[in-house]
Amino acid sequence: MGVLSGCSEDPPLTTPDGKLISTSTTRIAEVNVVSADRDYARTCLAPTATDPGKPDVARIVVTDPALLDAVCGLGIGPKVVAVTADAATIPKYLGPQLGSVPTIGSSPDAAAVATAKPDVVLTTPATAASAKAFGGAKTETIAPGTWQEQFQSVATALGRTQAGKTLLDEFATETAKTGKRMDASHDEVSLVRFGADSEMVAGTASFGGQILSMVGAQRPVSQRQPQQTTLTDSTFKNADADLILVSFQGADGLAHGKEVLLSDRWLDMGAPTWKRVLIVNDDIWYNSSGLAAGWLVLNDIKGSLDGNSAPF
């Protein structure tokens, strides 16, 4: 890979195991990165209060890193004292507040359990075995569901049912306002993900696709199915739209994506011709979900629908 230009506070692209891909950048293959100056220290929302008459929790252990987004969205990240997962599994977009929480492995030893001393353990059916190590602590199991359902379940488990409802309502209101303000219903947005040797379009069921739908942006006809599909030579132009948001899956996806973004067949399509291509963070748009990630995606959308890839 060539050296990437630009500078920002955005964390570097990493492989799934957390290895560094590149330095932060504001532009790749002549295409601008959306929200390149984002400060992940500001991802988590303001602290929320408990429901009237409900006791507050002081120390939380989380067995599934995916639940941390909801805790971040509720603004109570400082109450998390441990995550029963391996190192480098806490999503980077959650920022230093949660990134600094100790990861004590899925089978924590007695010393780690004694140090954590949780009064509540947030778990999922898939990671419930880790919760058994904290025998005396209250355990709250979060069932599978939509990201909104899981957020509300976490809020209720932590004594914040009303705060959870309020925050979800605020997000839904803001997405609707954004769509109306930006006339999103008249924009077709394509979502393209570059793998190591492939180009894919994300479906409507993807996290980023869901937020786009809440905003009211349209998708090209060929991208209105729930699942992700892989482009072929004959369907390559299905990637085109009024605006294309591209992302890279790891280091190999970045290398392959740079080649495609500079290729003749890509540059001959409509959106690239009109400089209507932008880059978004693959981990946030597709590998995460929740209210905190939702606000990041929404802010990306705000910066994209009226933006382009020409130099600022």
Protein backbone atom coordinates (compact mmCIF):
# COMPACT_ATOMS: atom_id res chain seq x y z
CA MET A 1 0.00 0.00 0.00
CA GLY A 2 1.14 3.51 -0.67
CA VAL A 3 1.44 6.10 2.07
CA LEU A 4 -1.91 7.78 2.76
CA SER A 5 -2.01 11.52 3.05
CA GLY A 6 -3.88 13.67 5.50
CA CYS A 7 -4.24 13.78 9.26
CA SER A 8 -7.13 13.41 11.69
CA GLU A 9 -8.09 12.07 15.08
CA ASP A 10 -9.97 9.16 13.48
CA PRO A 11 -8.56 5.81 14.67
CA PRO A 12 -6.62 3.91 11.99
CA LEU A 13 -8.15 1.16 9.92
CA THR A 14 -7.47 -2.21 11.50
CA THR A 15 -7.85 -5.86 10.64
CA PRO A 16 -10.47 -7.87 12.58
CA ASP A 17 -7.80 -8.89 15.11
CA GLY A 18 -6.88 -5.27 15.78
CA LYS A 19 -3.67 -5.01 13.77
CA LEU A 20 -2.83 -1.61 12.30
CA ILE A 21 -3.57 -1.07 8.62
CA SER A 22 -2.54 2.50 8.01
CA THR A 23 -2.23 5.93 9.52
CA SER A 24 -5.34 8.10 9.69
CA THR A 25 -6.31 9.69 6.43
CA THR A 26 -8.77 12.16 5.01
CA ARG A 27 -8.54 10.95 1.42
CA ILE A 28 -7.99 7.58 -0.26
CA ALA A 29 -7.66 7.03 -4.03
CA GLU A 30 -8.83 10.61 -4.63
CA VAL A 31 -12.00 10.05 -2.59
CA ASN A 32 -12.76 11.90 0.65
CA VAL A 33 -13.30 10.08 3.93
CA VAL A 34 -16.52 11.11 5.69
CA SER A 35 -16.09 12.42 9.25
CA ALA A 36 -12.31 12.11 9.01
CA ASP A 37 -11.88 14.47 11.96
CA ARG A 38 -14.27 12.53 14.23
CA ASP A 39 -13.26 12.38 17.90
CA TYR A 40 -14.32 9.02 19.34
CA ALA A 41 -13.87 10.38 22.85
CA ARG A 42 -17.26 12.02 22.20
CA THR A 43 -19.10 8.92 21.00
CA CYS A 44 -20.89 8.15 24.26
CA LEU A 45 -23.96 10.16 25.16
CA ALA A 46 -24.57 12.16 28.33
CA PRO A 47 -25.23 10.19 31.55
CA THR A 48 -28.85 9.12 32.05
CA ALA A 49 -30.79 8.89 35.30
CA THR A 50 -32.52 5.84 36.70
CA ASP A 51 -36.28 5.46 36.66
CA PRO A 52 -38.01 7.01 39.70
CA GLY A 53 -37.64 4.74 42.71
CA LYS A 54 -35.13 2.44 41.00
CA PRO A 55 -31.73 1.86 42.67
CA ASP A 56 -28.75 2.67 40.48
CA VAL A 57 -26.09 0.15 39.54
CA ALA A 58 -22.52 0.96 40.49
CA ARG A 59 -20.41 -1.79 38.92
CA ILE A 60 -21.23 -3.55 35.65
CA VAL A 61 -19.57 -6.52 33.99
CA VAL A 62 -20.41 -7.16 30.33
CA THR A 63 -19.93 -10.62 28.79
CA ASP A 64 -20.52 -9.60 25.17
CA PRO A 65 -18.69 -6.55 23.74
CA ALA A 66 -21.69 -5.93 21.45
CA LEU A 67 -23.69 -4.82 24.51
CA LEU A 68 -21.25 -2.00 25.23
CA ASP A 69 -22.83 0.22 22.58
CA ALA A 70 -26.05 0.39 24.61
CA VAL A 71 -24.15 1.22 27.80
CA CYS A 72 -22.32 3.93 25.86
CA GLY A 73 -25.63 5.23 24.51
CA LEU A 74 -26.97 5.44 28.06
CA GLY A 75 -23.92 7.44 29.08
CA ILE A 76 -22.85 5.11 31.88
CA GLY A 77 -19.66 3.64 30.44
CA PRO A 78 -17.66 4.52 33.58
CA LYS A 79 -19.74 1.97 35.51
CA VAL A 80 -18.34 -0.91 33.40
CA VAL A 81 -15.53 -2.53 35.39
CA ALA A 82 -14.71 -5.50 33.15
CA VAL A 83 -15.57 -7.24 29.89
CA THR A 84 -15.28 -11.03 29.73
CA ALA A 85 -13.71 -11.10 26.29
CA ASP A 86 -10.28 -11.20 24.72
CA ALA A 87 -8.10 -8.14 24.31
CA ALA A 88 -8.80 -5.87 21.30
CA THR A 89 -12.46 -6.96 21.09
CA ILE A 90 -13.94 -3.69 22.36
CA PRO A 91 -15.06 -1.69 19.30
CA LYS A 92 -12.73 1.26 18.71
CA TYR A 93 -15.57 3.65 17.91
CA LEU A 94 -16.67 3.49 21.56
CA GLY A 95 -13.64 5.59 22.39
CA PRO A 96 -11.23 5.67 25.32
CA GLN A 97 -13.94 5.54 27.99
CA LEU A 98 -14.81 1.94 27.18
CA GLY A 99 -11.61 1.07 25.33
CA SER A 100 -9.74 1.28 28.61
CA VAL A 101 -12.01 -1.20 30.42
CA PRO A 102 -10.14 -4.40 31.40
CA THR A 103 -10.82 -7.41 29.18
CA ILE A 104 -10.52 -10.47 31.43
CA GLY A 105 -11.20 -13.33 29.01
CA SER A 106 -14.29 -15.48 28.59
CA SER A 107 -13.24 -17.64 31.56
CA PRO A 108 -12.00 -15.10 34.12
CA ASP A 109 -9.87 -16.34 36.98
CA ALA A 110 -10.73 -15.85 40.64
CA ALA A 111 -8.54 -12.79 40.99
CA ALA A 112 -10.24 -11.01 38.07
CA VAL A 113 -13.68 -11.90 39.46
CA ALA A 114 -12.74 -10.58 42.90
CA THR A 115 -11.39 -7.35 41.42
CA ALA A 116 -14.49 -6.74 39.30
CA LYS A 117 -16.99 -7.28 42.13
CA PRO A 118 -19.99 -6.45 39.90
CA ASP A 119 -23.47 -5.84 41.22
CA VAL A 120 -24.91 -6.68 37.80
CA VAL A 121 -23.66 -8.79 34.91
CA LEU A 122 -25.03 -8.02 31.43
CA THR A 123 -24.97 -11.13 29.29
CA THR A 124 -26.46 -12.74 26.20
CA PRO A 125 -27.55 -16.33 25.58
CA ALA A 126 -24.39 -16.89 23.54
CA THR A 127 -22.04 -15.62 26.27
CA ALA A 128 -23.96 -16.70 29.36
CA ALA A 129 -21.26 -19.19 30.37
CA SER A 130 -18.96 -16.29 31.25
CA ALA A 131 -21.54 -14.90 33.67
CA LYS A 132 -21.38 -18.02 35.85
CA ALA A 133 -18.01 -16.93 37.21
CA PHE A 134 -19.75 -14.08 39.03
CA GLY A 135 -22.16 -16.41 40.87
CA GLY A 136 -23.47 -14.00 43.50
CA ALA A 137 -24.03 -11.04 41.19
CA LYS A 138 -27.37 -10.24 39.61
CA THR A 139 -27.41 -11.38 35.98
CA GLU A 140 -29.45 -9.73 33.23
CA THR A 141 -29.69 -11.65 29.95
CA ILE A 142 -30.31 -9.58 26.81
CA ALA A 143 -32.20 -11.60 24.22
CA PRO A 144 -31.55 -11.34 20.47
CA GLY A 145 -33.57 -8.73 18.60
CA THR A 146 -33.30 -5.55 16.59
CA TRP A 147 -30.74 -3.04 17.76
CA GLN A 148 -33.55 -0.89 19.16
CA GLU A 149 -34.99 -3.83 21.10
CA GLN A 150 -31.60 -4.73 22.52
CA PHE A 151 -30.92 -1.13 23.51
CA GLN A 152 -34.23 -0.94 25.33
CA SER A 153 -33.56 -4.26 27.04
CA VAL A 154 -30.21 -3.02 28.31
CA ALA A 155 -31.80 0.22 29.48
CA THR A 156 -34.45 -1.70 31.42
CA ALA A 157 -31.88 -4.10 32.87
CA LEU A 158 -29.95 -1.11 34.21
CA GLY A 159 -33.02 0.63 35.65
CA ARG A 160 -33.40 3.14 32.83
CA THR A 161 -36.53 2.10 30.97
CA GLN A 162 -37.81 5.64 30.49
CA ALA A 163 -34.42 7.01 29.48
CA GLY A 164 -34.13 4.25 26.89
CA LYS A 165 -37.48 5.11 25.35
CA THR A 166 -36.66 8.81 25.31
CA LEU A 167 -33.30 8.30 23.63
CA LEU A 168 -34.75 6.05 20.93
CA ASP A 169 -37.53 8.56 20.28
CA GLU A 170 -34.99 11.37 19.99
CA PHE A 171 -32.97 9.38 17.47
CA ALA A 172 -36.03 8.50 15.38
CA THR A 173 -37.10 12.16 15.40
CA GLU A 174 -33.66 13.33 14.31
CA THR A 175 -33.45 10.82 11.46
CA ALA A 176 -36.83 11.96 10.17
CA LYS A 177 -35.84 15.62 10.44
CA THR A 178 -32.59 14.92 8.64
CA GLY A 179 -34.40 13.19 5.80
CA LYS A 180 -36.85 16.04 5.39
CA ARG A 181 -34.20 18.76 5.69
CA MET A 182 -31.92 17.11 3.13
CA ASP A 183 -34.72 15.94 0.81
CA ALA A 184 -33.33 12.42 1.20
CA SER A 185 -36.26 10.74 -0.53
CA HIS A 186 -34.98 12.11 -3.85
CA ASP A 187 -31.48 10.63 -3.43
CA GLU A 188 -30.51 7.08 -4.35
CA VAL A 189 -27.59 5.96 -2.22
CA SER A 190 -25.45 2.95 -3.09
CA LEU A 191 -23.52 1.10 -0.38
CA VAL A 192 -20.41 -0.65 -1.71
CA ARG A 193 -18.04 -2.74 0.41
CA PHE A 194 -14.64 -3.83 -0.89
CA GLY A 195 -13.32 -7.22 0.19
CA ALA A 196 -9.93 -8.72 -0.54
CA ASP A 197 -10.88 -9.59 -4.11
CA SER A 198 -14.53 -8.66 -4.46
CA GLU A 199 -17.01 -5.80 -4.55
CA MET A 200 -20.29 -6.16 -2.66
CA VAL A 201 -23.39 -4.03 -2.22
CA ALA A 202 -24.89 -3.97 1.26
CA GLY A 203 -28.55 -4.83 1.63
CA THR A 204 -31.30 -2.96 3.42
CA ALA A 205 -30.93 -5.17 6.52
CA SER A 206 -27.34 -4.00 7.12
CA PHE A 207 -26.93 -1.55 9.98
CA GLY A 208 -25.99 1.32 7.69
CA GLY A 209 -28.84 0.37 5.37
CA GLN A 210 -31.31 0.51 8.26
CA ILE A 211 -30.23 4.02 9.26
CA LEU A 212 -30.46 5.17 5.64
CA SER A 213 -34.01 3.81 5.55
CA MET A 214 -34.90 5.70 8.73
CA VAL A 215 -33.62 8.89 7.09
CA GLY A 216 -35.74 8.12 4.03
CA ALA A 217 -32.96 7.88 1.47
CA GLN A 218 -33.68 5.61 -1.47
CA ARG A 219 -31.55 2.69 -2.63
CA PRO A 220 -30.99 1.67 -6.26
CA VAL A 221 -33.51 -0.94 -7.40
CA SER A 222 -30.77 -3.57 -7.51
CA GLN A 223 -29.94 -2.92 -3.83
CA ARG A 224 -33.39 -3.17 -2.27
CA GLN A 225 -33.00 -6.73 -1.01
CA PRO A 226 -32.21 -7.37 2.69
CA GLN A 227 -29.03 -9.35 2.13
CA GLN A 228 -25.63 -8.36 0.84
CA THR A 229 -24.82 -9.37 -2.74
CA THR A 230 -21.52 -9.73 -4.59
CA LEU A 231 -21.06 -7.80 -7.81
CA THR A 232 -19.92 -9.59 -10.97
CA ASP A 233 -18.62 -8.29 -14.27
CA SER A 234 -22.17 -8.26 -15.62
CA THR A 235 -23.67 -6.55 -12.56
CA PHE A 236 -20.82 -4.19 -11.72
CA LYS A 237 -22.80 -1.10 -12.70
CA ASN A 238 -25.37 -1.95 -10.03
CA ALA A 239 -22.95 -0.11 -7.75
CA ASP A 240 -23.88 3.21 -9.38
CA ALA A 241 -26.35 5.69 -7.89
CA ASP A 242 -26.74 9.40 -7.15
CA LEU A 243 -24.23 8.90 -4.34
CA ILE A 244 -21.95 5.93 -3.59
CA LEU A 245 -20.69 5.32 -0.05
CA VAL A 246 -17.79 2.88 -0.10
CA SER A 247 -15.95 1.09 2.69
CA PHE A 248 -13.11 -1.40 3.08
CA GLN A 249 -13.05 -4.75 4.87
CA GLY A 250 -9.62 -4.84 6.48
CA ALA A 251 -6.19 -4.29 4.93
CA ASP A 252 -6.88 -6.49 1.91
CA GLY A 253 -10.19 -4.74 1.26
CA LEU A 254 -8.42 -1.39 1.40
CA ALA A 255 -5.76 -2.48 -1.10
CA HIS A 256 -8.33 -3.94 -3.49
CA GLY A 257 -10.69 -0.99 -3.08
CA LYS A 258 -7.99 1.52 -3.97
CA GLU A 259 -7.35 -0.35 -7.23
CA VAL A 260 -11.04 -0.41 -8.12
CA LEU A 261 -11.62 3.25 -7.23
CA LEU A 262 -8.90 4.23 -9.71
CA SER A 263 -9.97 1.81 -12.46
CA ASP A 264 -11.55 2.86 -15.74
CA ARG A 265 -14.70 0.78 -15.22
CA TRP A 266 -15.32 2.51 -11.89
CA LEU A 267 -14.52 6.01 -13.12
CA ASP A 268 -16.79 5.56 -16.14
CA MET A 269 -19.89 5.23 -13.93
CA GLY A 270 -22.11 8.22 -13.18
CA ALA A 271 -21.41 8.90 -9.51
CA PRO A 272 -17.60 8.71 -9.86
CA THR A 273 -17.77 10.95 -12.94
CA TRP A 274 -19.65 13.57 -10.93
CA LYS A 275 -17.40 13.14 -7.87
CA ARG A 276 -20.29 11.71 -5.86
CA VAL A 277 -18.32 9.02 -4.03
CA LEU A 278 -17.36 9.09 -0.35
CA ILE A 279 -15.71 6.68 2.09
CA VAL A 280 -17.28 5.55 5.37
CA ASN A 281 -16.00 3.37 8.21
CA ASP A 282 -16.86 -0.28 7.50
CA ASP A 283 -16.76 -1.33 11.15
CA ILE A 284 -19.29 1.30 12.20
CA TRP A 285 -21.62 0.93 9.24
CA TYR A 286 -21.70 -2.86 9.07
CA ASN A 287 -19.96 -4.60 11.98
CA SER A 288 -21.61 -2.60 14.76
CA SER A 289 -25.12 -1.69 15.79
CA GLY A 290 -26.78 0.31 18.52
CA LEU A 291 -27.69 3.84 19.45
CA ALA A 292 -24.13 5.13 19.81
CA ALA A 293 -23.13 3.70 16.42
CA GLY A 294 -26.44 4.93 15.00
CA TRP A 295 -25.59 8.53 15.82
CA LEU A 296 -22.21 8.13 14.12
CA VAL A 297 -23.84 6.73 10.97
CA LEU A 298 -26.47 9.47 11.02
CA ASN A 299 -23.79 12.15 11.25
CA ASP A 300 -21.99 10.49 8.33
CA ILE A 301 -25.21 10.69 6.34
CA LYS A 302 -25.60 14.37 7.20
CA GLY A 303 -22.11 14.95 5.85
CA SER A 304 -22.67 12.86 2.73
CA LEU A 305 -26.01 13.63 1.10
CA ASP A 306 -24.88 17.12 0.18
CA GLY A 307 -21.18 16.27 -0.15
CA ASN A 308 -18.92 14.93 -2.86
CA SER A 309 -15.40 13.60 -3.29
CA ALA A 310 -13.88 16.69 -4.83
CA PRO A 311 -11.18 18.41 -2.72
CA PHE A 312 -12.60 20.77 -0.08
